[in-house]
Amino acid sequence: MKENLPAAFRLTGTKDMACALLRVMKTTFFEPLSQITPPELTPEEQEAGEEPLNLTRKNIRRCEAYWQLHQFLISETETGNISRQEAVSMIPPVVLDVQPHHKVSVSCV
């Protein structure tokens, strides 16, 4: 409860569009950024072996090296190409094996 959650997002749109966006993200951001260890990581994060691309929203915002990635995520969120979502919220569809012909309803108690 006291730790910041890692930043997570879901690619939206068609499968082809999502795959194209993922390729751009990998070549433009993920591969180059995986080669650096930003000095802005706290000693605890560095000691814990925090991966540069396994960052919290706070890490992304405070690290100059991730500024372009942060701006890209904002832009793509605004255009609807990605939606920010906690990773824990992405688990139910995978576990439930929801298929296109299934109808899913949510009940609030």
PDB file of N, CA and C in Angstrom:
ATOM      1  N   MET A   1       0.810  -1.188   0.000  1.00  0.00           N
ATOM      2  CA  MET A   1       0.000   0.000   0.000  1.00  0.00           C
ATOM      3  C   MET A   1       0.860   1.262   0.000  1.00  0.00           C
ATOM      4  N   LYS A   2       2.062   1.185   0.535  1.00  0.00           N
ATOM      5  CA  LYS A   2       2.897   2.372   0.622  1.00  0.00           C
ATOM      6  C   LYS A   2       3.778   2.574  -0.607  1.00  0.00           C
ATOM      7  N   GLU A   3       3.877   1.577  -1.460  1.00  0.00           N
ATOM      8  CA  GLU A   3       4.721   1.682  -2.640  1.00  0.00           C
ATOM      9  C   GLU A   3       3.922   2.199  -3.827  1.00  0.00           C
ATOM     10  N   ASN A   4       4.577   3.009  -4.664  1.00  0.00           N
ATOM     11  CA  ASN A   4       3.946   3.472  -5.889  1.00  0.00           C
ATOM     12  C   ASN A   4       3.821   2.317  -6.864  1.00  0.00           C
ATOM     13  N   LEU A   5       2.694   2.264  -7.569  1.00  0.00           N
ATOM     14  CA  LEU A   5       2.493   1.224  -8.566  1.00  0.00           C
ATOM     15  C   LEU A   5       3.247   1.561  -9.837  1.00  0.00           C
ATOM     16  N   PRO A   6       3.692   0.539 -10.583  1.00  0.00           N
ATOM     17  CA  PRO A   6       4.374   0.823 -11.848  1.00  0.00           C
ATOM     18  C   PRO A   6       3.397   1.427 -12.848  1.00  0.00           C
ATOM     19  N   ALA A   7       3.914   2.281 -13.706  1.00  0.00           N
ATOM     20  CA  ALA A   7       3.097   2.871 -14.761  1.00  0.00           C
ATOM     21  C   ALA A   7       2.695   1.759 -15.728  1.00  0.00           C
ATOM     22  N   ALA A   8       1.447   1.758 -16.130  1.00  0.00           N
ATOM     23  CA  ALA A   8       0.952   0.744 -17.066  1.00  0.00           C
ATOM     24  C   ALA A   8      -0.067   1.386 -17.984  1.00  0.00           C
ATOM     25  N   PHE A   9      -0.188   0.832 -19.169  1.00  0.00           N
ATOM     26  CA  PHE A   9      -1.167   1.343 -20.117  1.00  0.00           C
ATOM     27  C   PHE A   9      -1.556   0.230 -21.071  1.00  0.00           C
ATOM     28  N   ARG A  10      -2.678   0.427 -21.720  1.00  0.00           N
ATOM     29  CA  ARG A  10      -3.216  -0.556 -22.668  1.00  0.00           C
ATOM     30  C   ARG A  10      -3.263   0.104 -24.038  1.00  0.00           C
ATOM     31  N   LEU A  11      -2.786  -0.618 -25.065  1.00  0.00           N
ATOM     32  CA  LEU A  11      -2.894  -0.141 -26.438  1.00  0.00           C
ATOM     33  C   LEU A  11      -4.315  -0.379 -26.918  1.00  0.00           C
ATOM     34  N   THR A  12      -4.887   0.601 -27.585  1.00  0.00           N
ATOM     35  CA  THR A  12      -6.259   0.482 -28.058  1.00  0.00           C
ATOM     36  C   THR A  12      -6.277   0.453 -29.584  1.00  0.00           C
ATOM     37  N   GLY A  13      -7.444   0.320 -30.151  1.00  0.00           N
ATOM     38  CA  GLY A  13      -7.574   0.290 -31.608  1.00  0.00           C
ATOM     39  C   GLY A  13      -7.485  -1.111 -32.149  1.00  0.00           C
ATOM     40  N   THR A  14      -7.336  -1.220 -33.455  1.00  0.00           N
ATOM     41  CA  THR A  14      -7.258  -2.533 -34.089  1.00  0.00           C
ATOM     42  C   THR A  14      -5.939  -3.208 -33.749  1.00  0.00           C
ATOM     43  N   LYS A  15      -5.880  -4.497 -33.994  1.00  0.00           N
ATOM     44  CA  LYS A  15      -4.657  -5.247 -33.712  1.00  0.00           C
ATOM     45  C   LYS A  15      -3.489  -4.701 -34.532  1.00  0.00           C
ATOM     46  N   ASP A  16      -3.729  -4.400 -35.807  1.00  0.00           N
ATOM     47  CA  ASP A  16      -2.669  -3.867 -36.660  1.00  0.00           C
ATOM     48  C   ASP A  16      -2.167  -2.518 -36.149  1.00  0.00           C
ATOM     49  N   MET A  17      -3.098  -1.654 -35.738  1.00  0.00           N
ATOM     50  CA  MET A  17      -2.710  -0.336 -35.218  1.00  0.00           C
ATOM     51  C   MET A  17      -1.920  -0.478 -33.923  1.00  0.00           C
ATOM     52  N   ALA A  18      -2.377  -1.360 -33.050  1.00  0.00           N
ATOM     53  CA  ALA A  18      -1.693  -1.564 -31.771  1.00  0.00           C
ATOM     54  C   ALA A  18      -0.296  -2.131 -31.992  1.00  0.00           C
ATOM     55  N   CYS A  19      -0.156  -3.063 -32.915  1.00  0.00           N
ATOM     56  CA  CYS A  19       1.159  -3.648 -33.212  1.00  0.00           C
ATOM     57  C   CYS A  19       2.103  -2.601 -33.787  1.00  0.00           C
ATOM     58  N   ALA A  20       1.588  -1.739 -34.672  1.00  0.00           N
ATOM     59  CA  ALA A  20       2.414  -0.678 -35.254  1.00  0.00           C
ATOM     60  C   ALA A  20       2.867   0.299 -34.173  1.00  0.00           C
ATOM     61  N   LEU A  21       1.957   0.676 -33.294  1.00  0.00           N
ATOM     62  CA  LEU A  21       2.303   1.598 -32.206  1.00  0.00           C
ATOM     63  C   LEU A  21       3.326   0.961 -31.275  1.00  0.00           C
ATOM     64  N   LEU A  22       3.171  -0.315 -30.985  1.00  0.00           N
ATOM     65  CA  LEU A  22       4.116  -1.011 -30.117  1.00  0.00           C
ATOM     66  C   LEU A  22       5.509  -1.044 -30.746  1.00  0.00           C
ATOM     67  N   ARG A  23       5.585  -1.274 -32.058  1.00  0.00           N
ATOM     68  CA  ARG A  23       6.887  -1.259 -32.738  1.00  0.00           C
ATOM     69  C   ARG A  23       7.553   0.109 -32.609  1.00  0.00           C
ATOM     70  N   VAL A  24       6.781   1.167 -32.805  1.00  0.00           N
ATOM     71  CA  VAL A  24       7.322   2.532 -32.667  1.00  0.00           C
ATOM     72  C   VAL A  24       7.818   2.753 -31.247  1.00  0.00           C
ATOM     73  N   MET A  25       7.028   2.344 -30.275  1.00  0.00           N
ATOM     74  CA  MET A  25       7.399   2.551 -28.876  1.00  0.00           C
ATOM     75  C   MET A  25       8.674   1.790 -28.530  1.00  0.00           C
ATOM     76  N   LYS A  26       8.775   0.554 -29.013  1.00  0.00           N
ATOM     77  CA  LYS A  26       9.969  -0.245 -28.714  1.00  0.00           C
ATOM     78  C   LYS A  26      11.219   0.385 -29.303  1.00  0.00           C
ATOM     79  N   THR A  27      11.168   0.752 -30.585  1.00  0.00           N
ATOM     80  CA  THR A  27      12.371   1.277 -31.233  1.00  0.00           C
ATOM     81  C   THR A  27      12.705   2.700 -30.795  1.00  0.00           C
ATOM     82  N   THR A  28      11.694   3.516 -30.536  1.00  0.00           N
ATOM     83  CA  THR A  28      11.930   4.919 -30.192  1.00  0.00           C
ATOM     84  C   THR A  28      12.234   5.115 -28.711  1.00  0.00           C
ATOM     85  N   PHE A  29      11.586   4.332 -27.856  1.00  0.00           N
ATOM     86  CA  PHE A  29      11.714   4.580 -26.416  1.00  0.00           C
ATOM     87  C   PHE A  29      12.297   3.400 -25.644  1.00  0.00           C
ATOM     88  N   PHE A  30      11.644   2.249 -25.704  1.00  0.00           N
ATOM     89  CA  PHE A  30      12.009   1.158 -24.810  1.00  0.00           C
ATOM     90  C   PHE A  30      13.435   0.658 -25.012  1.00  0.00           C
ATOM     91  N   GLU A  31      13.834   0.381 -26.251  1.00  0.00           N
ATOM     92  CA  GLU A  31      15.185  -0.127 -26.484  1.00  0.00           C
ATOM     93  C   GLU A  31      16.255   0.893 -26.084  1.00  0.00           C
ATOM     94  N   PRO A  32      16.164   2.162 -26.554  1.00  0.00           N
ATOM     95  CA  PRO A  32      17.187   3.135 -26.132  1.00  0.00           C
ATOM     96  C   PRO A  32      17.193   3.401 -24.622  1.00  0.00           C
ATOM     97  N   LEU A  33      16.011   3.491 -24.014  1.00  0.00           N
ATOM     98  CA  LEU A  33      15.949   3.810 -22.591  1.00  0.00           C
ATOM     99  C   LEU A  33      16.380   2.652 -21.707  1.00  0.00           C
ATOM    100  N   SER A  34      16.309   1.433 -22.223  1.00  0.00           N
ATOM    101  CA  SER A  34      16.731   0.289 -21.412  1.00  0.00           C
ATOM    102  C   SER A  34      18.238   0.271 -21.219  1.00  0.00           C
ATOM    103  N   GLN A  35      18.960   1.076 -21.995  1.00  0.00           N
ATOM    104  CA  GLN A  35      20.423   1.124 -21.903  1.00  0.00           C
ATOM    105  C   GLN A  35      20.923   2.113 -20.857  1.00  0.00           C
ATOM    106  N   ILE A  36      20.032   2.889 -20.262  1.00  0.00           N
ATOM    107  CA  ILE A  36      20.476   3.890 -19.300  1.00  0.00           C
ATOM    108  C   ILE A  36      19.931   3.590 -17.910  1.00  0.00           C
ATOM    109  N   THR A  37      20.626   4.075 -16.917  1.00  0.00           N
ATOM    110  CA  THR A  37      20.143   4.043 -15.538  1.00  0.00           C
ATOM    111  C   THR A  37      20.116   5.489 -15.077  1.00  0.00           C
ATOM    112  N   PRO A  38      18.946   6.063 -15.020  1.00  0.00           N
ATOM    113  CA  PRO A  38      18.877   7.476 -14.658  1.00  0.00           C
ATOM    114  C   PRO A  38      19.351   7.718 -13.233  1.00  0.00           C
ATOM    115  N   PRO A  39      20.116   8.783 -13.020  1.00  0.00           N
ATOM    116  CA  PRO A  39      20.610   9.079 -11.682  1.00  0.00           C
ATOM    117  C   PRO A  39      19.501   9.477 -10.719  1.00  0.00           C
ATOM    118  N   GLU A  40      18.318   9.780 -11.246  1.00  0.00           N
ATOM    119  CA  GLU A  40      17.227  10.225 -10.397  1.00  0.00           C
ATOM    120  C   GLU A  40      16.589   9.089  -9.604  1.00  0.00           C
ATOM    121  N   LEU A  41      16.917   7.834  -9.911  1.00  0.00           N
ATOM    122  CA  LEU A  41      16.381   6.742  -9.118  1.00  0.00           C
ATOM    123  C   LEU A  41      16.965   6.821  -7.711  1.00  0.00           C
ATOM    124  N   THR A  42      16.144   6.559  -6.734  1.00  0.00           N
ATOM    125  CA  THR A  42      16.615   6.602  -5.353  1.00  0.00           C
ATOM    126  C   THR A  42      17.571   5.445  -5.110  1.00  0.00           C
ATOM    127  N   PRO A  43      18.430   5.552  -4.088  1.00  0.00           N
ATOM    128  CA  PRO A  43      19.324   4.437  -3.755  1.00  0.00           C
ATOM    129  C   PRO A  43      18.553   3.142  -3.481  1.00  0.00           C
ATOM    130  N   GLU A  44      17.374   3.262  -2.864  1.00  0.00           N
ATOM    131  CA  GLU A  44      16.568   2.072  -2.581  1.00  0.00           C
ATOM    132  C   GLU A  44      16.115   1.412  -3.878  1.00  0.00           C
ATOM    133  N   GLU A  45      15.698   2.221  -4.860  1.00  0.00           N
ATOM    134  CA  GLU A  45      15.252   1.681  -6.145  1.00  0.00           C
ATOM    135  C   GLU A  45      16.414   1.035  -6.890  1.00  0.00           C
ATOM    136  N   GLN A  46      17.586   1.692  -6.859  1.00  0.00           N
ATOM    137  CA  GLN A  46      18.757   1.130  -7.521  1.00  0.00           C
ATOM    138  C   GLN A  46      19.178  -0.174  -6.845  1.00  0.00           C
ATOM    139  N   GLU A  47      19.153  -0.191  -5.508  1.00  0.00           N
ATOM    140  CA  GLU A  47      19.521  -1.384  -4.759  1.00  0.00           C
ATOM    141  C   GLU A  47      18.556  -2.529  -5.016  1.00  0.00           C
ATOM    142  N   ALA A  48      17.283  -2.189  -5.186  1.00  0.00           N
ATOM    143  CA  ALA A  48      16.267  -3.210  -5.443  1.00  0.00           C
ATOM    144  C   ALA A  48      16.343  -3.726  -6.871  1.00  0.00           C
ATOM    145  N   GLY A  49      17.230  -3.142  -7.677  1.00  0.00           N
ATOM    146  CA  GLY A  49      17.360  -3.593  -9.055  1.00  0.00           C
ATOM    147  C   GLY A  49      16.213  -3.126  -9.930  1.00  0.00           C
ATOM    148  N   GLU A  50      15.652  -1.978  -9.619  1.00  0.00           N
ATOM    149  CA  GLU A  50      14.530  -1.450 -10.395  1.00  0.00           C
ATOM    150  C   GLU A  50      14.957  -1.271 -11.837  1.00  0.00           C
ATOM    151  N   GLU A  51      14.217  -1.878 -12.735  1.00  0.00           N
ATOM    152  CA  GLU A  51      14.500  -1.754 -14.158  1.00  0.00           C
ATOM    153  C   GLU A  51      14.098  -0.367 -14.628  1.00  0.00           C
ATOM    154  N   PRO A  52      14.892   0.265 -15.497  1.00  0.00           N
ATOM    155  CA  PRO A  52      14.535   1.600 -15.974  1.00  0.00           C
ATOM    156  C   PRO A  52      13.169   1.681 -16.624  1.00  0.00           C
ATOM    157  N   LEU A  53      12.691   0.604 -17.222  1.00  0.00           N
ATOM    158  CA  LEU A  53      11.385   0.652 -17.859  1.00  0.00           C
ATOM    159  C   LEU A  53      10.301   0.043 -16.989  1.00  0.00           C
ATOM    160  N   ASN A  54      10.626  -0.229 -15.746  1.00  0.00           N
ATOM    161  CA  ASN A  54       9.642  -0.683 -14.772  1.00  0.00           C
ATOM    162  C   ASN A  54       9.503   0.431 -13.743  1.00  0.00           C
ATOM    163  N   LEU A  55       9.085   1.605 -14.241  1.00  0.00           N
ATOM    164  CA  LEU A  55       9.049   2.794 -13.410  1.00  0.00           C
ATOM    165  C   LEU A  55       7.641   3.164 -13.006  1.00  0.00           C
ATOM    166  N   THR A  56       7.564   3.853 -11.900  1.00  0.00           N
ATOM    167  CA  THR A  56       6.288   4.409 -11.477  1.00  0.00           C
ATOM    168  C   THR A  56       6.045   5.697 -12.246  1.00  0.00           C
ATOM    169  N   ARG A  57       4.820   6.188 -12.198  1.00  0.00           N
ATOM    170  CA  ARG A  57       4.517   7.473 -12.840  1.00  0.00           C
ATOM    171  C   ARG A  57       5.394   8.569 -12.255  1.00  0.00           C
ATOM    172  N   LYS A  58       5.658   8.482 -10.957  1.00  0.00           N
ATOM    173  CA  LYS A  58       6.501   9.476 -10.295  1.00  0.00           C
ATOM    174  C   LYS A  58       7.915   9.455 -10.876  1.00  0.00           C
ATOM    175  N   ASN A  59       8.483   8.260 -11.097  1.00  0.00           N
ATOM    176  CA  ASN A  59       9.816   8.152 -11.671  1.00  0.00           C
ATOM    177  C   ASN A  59       9.866   8.771 -13.063  1.00  0.00           C
ATOM    178  N   ILE A  60       8.856   8.476 -13.876  1.00  0.00           N
ATOM    179  CA  ILE A  60       8.837   8.981 -15.247  1.00  0.00           C
ATOM    180  C   ILE A  60       8.765  10.500 -15.249  1.00  0.00           C
ATOM    181  N   ARG A  61       7.985  11.053 -14.369  1.00  0.00           N
ATOM    182  CA  ARG A  61       7.816  12.510 -14.324  1.00  0.00           C
ATOM    183  C   ARG A  61       9.065  13.230 -13.829  1.00  0.00           C
ATOM    184  N   ARG A  62       9.814  12.643 -12.926  1.00  0.00           N
ATOM    185  CA  ARG A  62      10.932  13.375 -12.330  1.00  0.00           C
ATOM    186  C   ARG A  62      12.254  13.150 -13.056  1.00  0.00           C
ATOM    187  N   CYS A  63      12.316  12.226 -13.980  1.00  0.00           N
ATOM    188  CA  CYS A  63      13.563  11.894 -14.652  1.00  0.00           C
ATOM    189  C   CYS A  63      13.621  12.548 -16.029  1.00  0.00           C
ATOM    190  N   GLU A  64      14.616  13.387 -16.243  1.00  0.00           N
ATOM    191  CA  GLU A  64      14.769  14.096 -17.513  1.00  0.00           C
ATOM    192  C   GLU A  64      14.904  13.119 -18.689  1.00  0.00           C
ATOM    193  N   ALA A  65      15.571  11.995 -18.456  1.00  0.00           N
ATOM    194  CA  ALA A  65      15.777  11.020 -19.528  1.00  0.00           C
ATOM    195  C   ALA A  65      14.463  10.436 -20.045  1.00  0.00           C
ATOM    196  N   TYR A  66      13.419  10.487 -19.229  1.00  0.00           N
ATOM    197  CA  TYR A  66      12.133   9.918 -19.627  1.00  0.00           C
ATOM    198  C   TYR A  66      11.117  10.979 -20.051  1.00  0.00           C
ATOM    199  N   TRP A  67      11.560  12.235 -20.180  1.00  0.00           N
ATOM    200  CA  TRP A  67      10.661  13.324 -20.519  1.00  0.00           C
ATOM    201  C   TRP A  67       9.944  13.073 -21.848  1.00  0.00           C
ATOM    202  N   GLN A  68      10.682  12.655 -22.879  1.00  0.00           N
ATOM    203  CA  GLN A  68      10.060  12.407 -24.182  1.00  0.00           C
ATOM    204  C   GLN A  68       9.057  11.257 -24.114  1.00  0.00           C
ATOM    205  N   LEU A  69       9.375  10.211 -23.372  1.00  0.00           N
ATOM    206  CA  LEU A  69       8.437   9.108 -23.199  1.00  0.00           C
ATOM    207  C   LEU A  69       7.178   9.616 -22.508  1.00  0.00           C
ATOM    208  N   HIS A  70       7.338  10.423 -21.469  1.00  0.00           N
ATOM    209  CA  HIS A  70       6.191  10.969 -20.749  1.00  0.00           C
ATOM    210  C   HIS A  70       5.321  11.798 -21.683  1.00  0.00           C
ATOM    211  N   GLN A  71       5.935  12.656 -22.490  1.00  0.00           N
ATOM    212  CA  GLN A  71       5.187  13.487 -23.434  1.00  0.00           C
ATOM    213  C   GLN A  71       4.474  12.626 -24.478  1.00  0.00           C
ATOM    214  N   PHE A  72       5.133  11.573 -24.927  1.00  0.00           N
ATOM    215  CA  PHE A  72       4.533  10.648 -25.895  1.00  0.00           C
ATOM    216  C   PHE A  72       3.304   9.972 -25.290  1.00  0.00           C
ATOM    217  N   LEU A  73       3.418   9.502 -24.050  1.00  0.00           N
ATOM    218  CA  LEU A  73       2.288   8.846 -23.388  1.00  0.00           C
ATOM    219  C   LEU A  73       1.112   9.807 -23.220  1.00  0.00           C
ATOM    220  N   ILE A  74       1.399  11.047 -22.878  1.00  0.00           N
ATOM    221  CA  ILE A  74       0.336  12.045 -22.751  1.00  0.00           C
ATOM    222  C   ILE A  74      -0.350  12.245 -24.100  1.00  0.00           C
ATOM    223  N   SER A  75       0.442  12.429 -25.147  1.00  0.00           N
ATOM    224  CA  SER A  75      -0.103  12.667 -26.484  1.00  0.00           C
ATOM    225  C   SER A  75      -0.946  11.492 -26.965  1.00  0.00           C
ATOM    226  N   GLU A  76      -0.441  10.289 -26.800  1.00  0.00           N
ATOM    227  CA  GLU A  76      -1.159   9.098 -27.270  1.00  0.00           C
ATOM    228  C   GLU A  76      -2.411   8.836 -26.437  1.00  0.00           C
ATOM    229  N   THR A  77      -2.390   9.212 -25.161  1.00  0.00           N
ATOM    230  CA  THR A  77      -3.580   9.099 -24.326  1.00  0.00           C
ATOM    231  C   THR A  77      -4.646  10.074 -24.808  1.00  0.00           C
ATOM    232  N   GLU A  78      -4.222  11.292 -25.117  1.00  0.00           N
ATOM    233  CA  GLU A  78      -5.168  12.313 -25.586  1.00  0.00           C
ATOM    234  C   GLU A  78      -5.797  11.945 -26.932  1.00  0.00           C
ATOM    235  N   THR A  79      -5.044  11.275 -27.788  1.00  0.00           N
ATOM    236  CA  THR A  79      -5.585  10.887 -29.100  1.00  0.00           C
ATOM    237  C   THR A  79      -6.354   9.574 -29.043  1.00  0.00           C
ATOM    238  N   GLY A  80      -6.311   8.883 -27.907  1.00  0.00           N
ATOM    239  CA  GLY A  80      -7.069   7.647 -27.745  1.00  0.00           C
ATOM    240  C   GLY A  80      -6.344   6.394 -28.208  1.00  0.00           C
ATOM    241  N   ASN A  81      -5.053   6.497 -28.518  1.00  0.00           N
ATOM    242  CA  ASN A  81      -4.307   5.322 -28.963  1.00  0.00           C
ATOM    243  C   ASN A  81      -3.877   4.416 -27.819  1.00  0.00           C
ATOM    244  N   ILE A  82      -3.779   4.990 -26.636  1.00  0.00           N
ATOM    245  CA  ILE A  82      -3.501   4.185 -25.447  1.00  0.00           C
ATOM    246  C   ILE A  82      -4.419   4.657 -24.334  1.00  0.00           C
ATOM    247  N   SER A  83      -4.640   3.805 -23.366  1.00  0.00           N
ATOM    248  CA  SER A  83      -5.361   4.217 -22.169  1.00  0.00           C
ATOM    249  C   SER A  83      -4.541   3.764 -20.970  1.00  0.00           C
ATOM    250  N   ARG A  84      -4.386   4.656 -20.021  1.00  0.00           N
ATOM    251  CA  ARG A  84      -3.633   4.320 -18.822  1.00  0.00           C
ATOM    252  C   ARG A  84      -4.521   3.492 -17.918  1.00  0.00           C
ATOM    253  N   GLN A  85      -3.957   2.413 -17.423  1.00  0.00           N
ATOM    254  CA  GLN A  85      -4.729   1.486 -16.606  1.00  0.00           C
ATOM    255  C   GLN A  85      -3.762   0.750 -15.696  1.00  0.00           C
ATOM    256  N   GLU A  86      -4.144   0.560 -14.452  1.00  0.00           N
ATOM    257  CA  GLU A  86      -3.294  -0.191 -13.528  1.00  0.00           C
ATOM    258  C   GLU A  86      -3.183  -1.638 -14.017  1.00  0.00           C
ATOM    259  N   ALA A  87      -2.006  -2.199 -13.850  1.00  0.00           N
ATOM    260  CA  ALA A  87      -1.764  -3.566 -14.318  1.00  0.00           C
ATOM    261  C   ALA A  87      -2.735  -4.559 -13.683  1.00  0.00           C
ATOM    262  N   VAL A  88      -3.094  -4.344 -12.421  1.00  0.00           N
ATOM    263  CA  VAL A  88      -4.007  -5.259 -11.742  1.00  0.00           C
ATOM    264  C   VAL A  88      -5.367  -5.297 -12.438  1.00  0.00           C
ATOM    265  N   SER A  89      -5.758  -4.201 -13.076  1.00  0.00           N
ATOM    266  CA  SER A  89      -7.036  -4.164 -13.791  1.00  0.00           C
ATOM    267  C   SER A  89      -6.991  -4.913 -15.111  1.00  0.00           C
ATOM    268  N   MET A  90      -5.792  -5.245 -15.570  1.00  0.00           N
ATOM    269  CA  MET A  90      -5.650  -5.972 -16.829  1.00  0.00           C
ATOM    270  C   MET A  90      -5.711  -7.487 -16.628  1.00  0.00           C
ATOM    271  N   ILE A  91      -5.687  -7.931 -15.393  1.00  0.00           N
ATOM    272  CA  ILE A  91      -5.645  -9.369 -15.101  1.00  0.00           C
ATOM    273  C   ILE A  91      -6.973 -10.072 -15.358  1.00  0.00           C
ATOM    274  N   PRO A  92      -8.120  -9.553 -14.915  1.00  0.00           N
ATOM    275  CA  PRO A  92      -9.375 -10.300 -15.079  1.00  0.00           C
ATOM    276  C   PRO A  92      -9.679 -10.769 -16.508  1.00  0.00           C
ATOM    277  N   PRO A  93      -9.519  -9.936 -17.539  1.00  0.00           N
ATOM    278  CA  PRO A  93      -9.817 -10.446 -18.885  1.00  0.00           C
ATOM    279  C   PRO A  93      -8.930 -11.613 -19.297  1.00  0.00           C
ATOM    280  N   VAL A  94      -7.690 -11.612 -18.837  1.00  0.00           N
ATOM    281  CA  VAL A  94      -6.780 -12.705 -19.175  1.00  0.00           C
ATOM    282  C   VAL A  94      -7.194 -13.981 -18.447  1.00  0.00           C
ATOM    283  N   VAL A  95      -7.456 -13.859 -17.151  1.00  0.00           N
ATOM    284  CA  VAL A  95      -7.819 -15.019 -16.327  1.00  0.00           C
ATOM    285  C   VAL A  95      -9.182 -15.580 -16.736  1.00  0.00           C
ATOM    286  N   LEU A  96     -10.105 -14.693 -17.063  1.00  0.00           N
ATOM    287  CA  LEU A  96     -11.455 -15.136 -17.430  1.00  0.00           C
ATOM    288  C   LEU A  96     -11.554 -15.629 -18.865  1.00  0.00           C
ATOM    289  N   ASP A  97     -10.504 -15.392 -19.651  1.00  0.00           N
ATOM    290  CA  ASP A  97     -10.479 -15.821 -21.054  1.00  0.00           C
ATOM    291  C   ASP A  97     -11.715 -15.318 -21.805  1.00  0.00           C
ATOM    292  N   VAL A  98     -11.955 -14.006 -21.700  1.00  0.00           N
ATOM    293  CA  VAL A  98     -13.107 -13.393 -22.362  1.00  0.00           C
ATOM    294  C   VAL A  98     -12.925 -13.480 -23.874  1.00  0.00           C
ATOM    295  N   GLN A  99     -13.955 -13.936 -24.540  1.00  0.00           N
ATOM    296  CA  GLN A  99     -13.958 -14.098 -25.995  1.00  0.00           C
ATOM    297  C   GLN A  99     -14.864 -13.045 -26.623  1.00  0.00           C
ATOM    298  N   PRO A 100     -14.670 -12.748 -27.916  1.00  0.00           N
ATOM    299  CA  PRO A 100     -15.480 -11.714 -28.574  1.00  0.00           C
ATOM    300  C   PRO A 100     -16.987 -11.944 -28.483  1.00  0.00           C
ATOM    301  N   HIS A 101     -17.418 -13.211 -28.433  1.00  0.00           N
ATOM    302  CA  HIS A 101     -18.853 -13.483 -28.395  1.00  0.00           C
ATOM    303  C   HIS A 101     -19.431 -13.449 -26.972  1.00  0.00           C
ATOM    304  N   HIS A 102     -18.602 -13.264 -25.946  1.00  0.00           N
ATOM    305  CA  HIS A 102     -19.070 -13.197 -24.572  1.00  0.00           C
ATOM    306  C   HIS A 102     -19.638 -11.821 -24.253  1.00  0.00           C
ATOM    307  N   LYS A 103     -20.585 -11.803 -23.342  1.00  0.00           N
ATOM    308  CA  LYS A 103     -21.144 -10.550 -22.843  1.00  0.00           C
ATOM    309  C   LYS A 103     -20.689 -10.408 -21.399  1.00  0.00           C
ATOM    310  N   VAL A 104     -20.073  -9.282 -21.074  1.00  0.00           N
ATOM    311  CA  VAL A 104     -19.531  -9.038 -19.743  1.00  0.00           C
ATOM    312  C   VAL A 104     -20.299  -7.890 -19.105  1.00  0.00           C
ATOM    313  N   SER A 105     -20.750  -8.090 -17.879  1.00  0.00           N
ATOM    314  CA  SER A 105     -21.414  -7.007 -17.159  1.00  0.00           C
ATOM    315  C   SER A 105     -20.685  -6.818 -15.830  1.00  0.00           C
ATOM    316  N   VAL A 106     -20.740  -5.610 -15.327  1.00  0.00           N
ATOM    317  CA  VAL A 106     -20.090  -5.267 -14.082  1.00  0.00           C
ATOM    318  C   VAL A 106     -21.149  -4.948 -13.055  1.00  0.00           C
ATOM    319  N   SER A 107     -20.978  -5.475 -11.869  1.00  0.00           N
ATOM    320  CA  SER A 107     -21.910  -5.228 -10.793  1.00  0.00           C
ATOM    321  C   SER A 107     -21.195  -4.487  -9.679  1.00  0.00           C
ATOM    322  N   CYS A 108     -21.771  -3.385  -9.253  1.00  0.00           N
ATOM    323  CA  CYS A 108     -21.205  -2.614  -8.138  1.00  0.00           C
ATOM    324  C   CYS A 108     -22.001  -2.966  -6.882  1.00  0.00           C
ATOM    325  N   VAL A 109     -21.311  -3.377  -5.864  1.00  0.00           N
ATOM    326  CA  VAL A 109     -21.971  -3.757  -4.624  1.00  0.00           C
ATOM    327  C   VAL A 109     -21.852  -2.659  -3.615  1.00  0.00           C
TER     328      VAL A 109
END
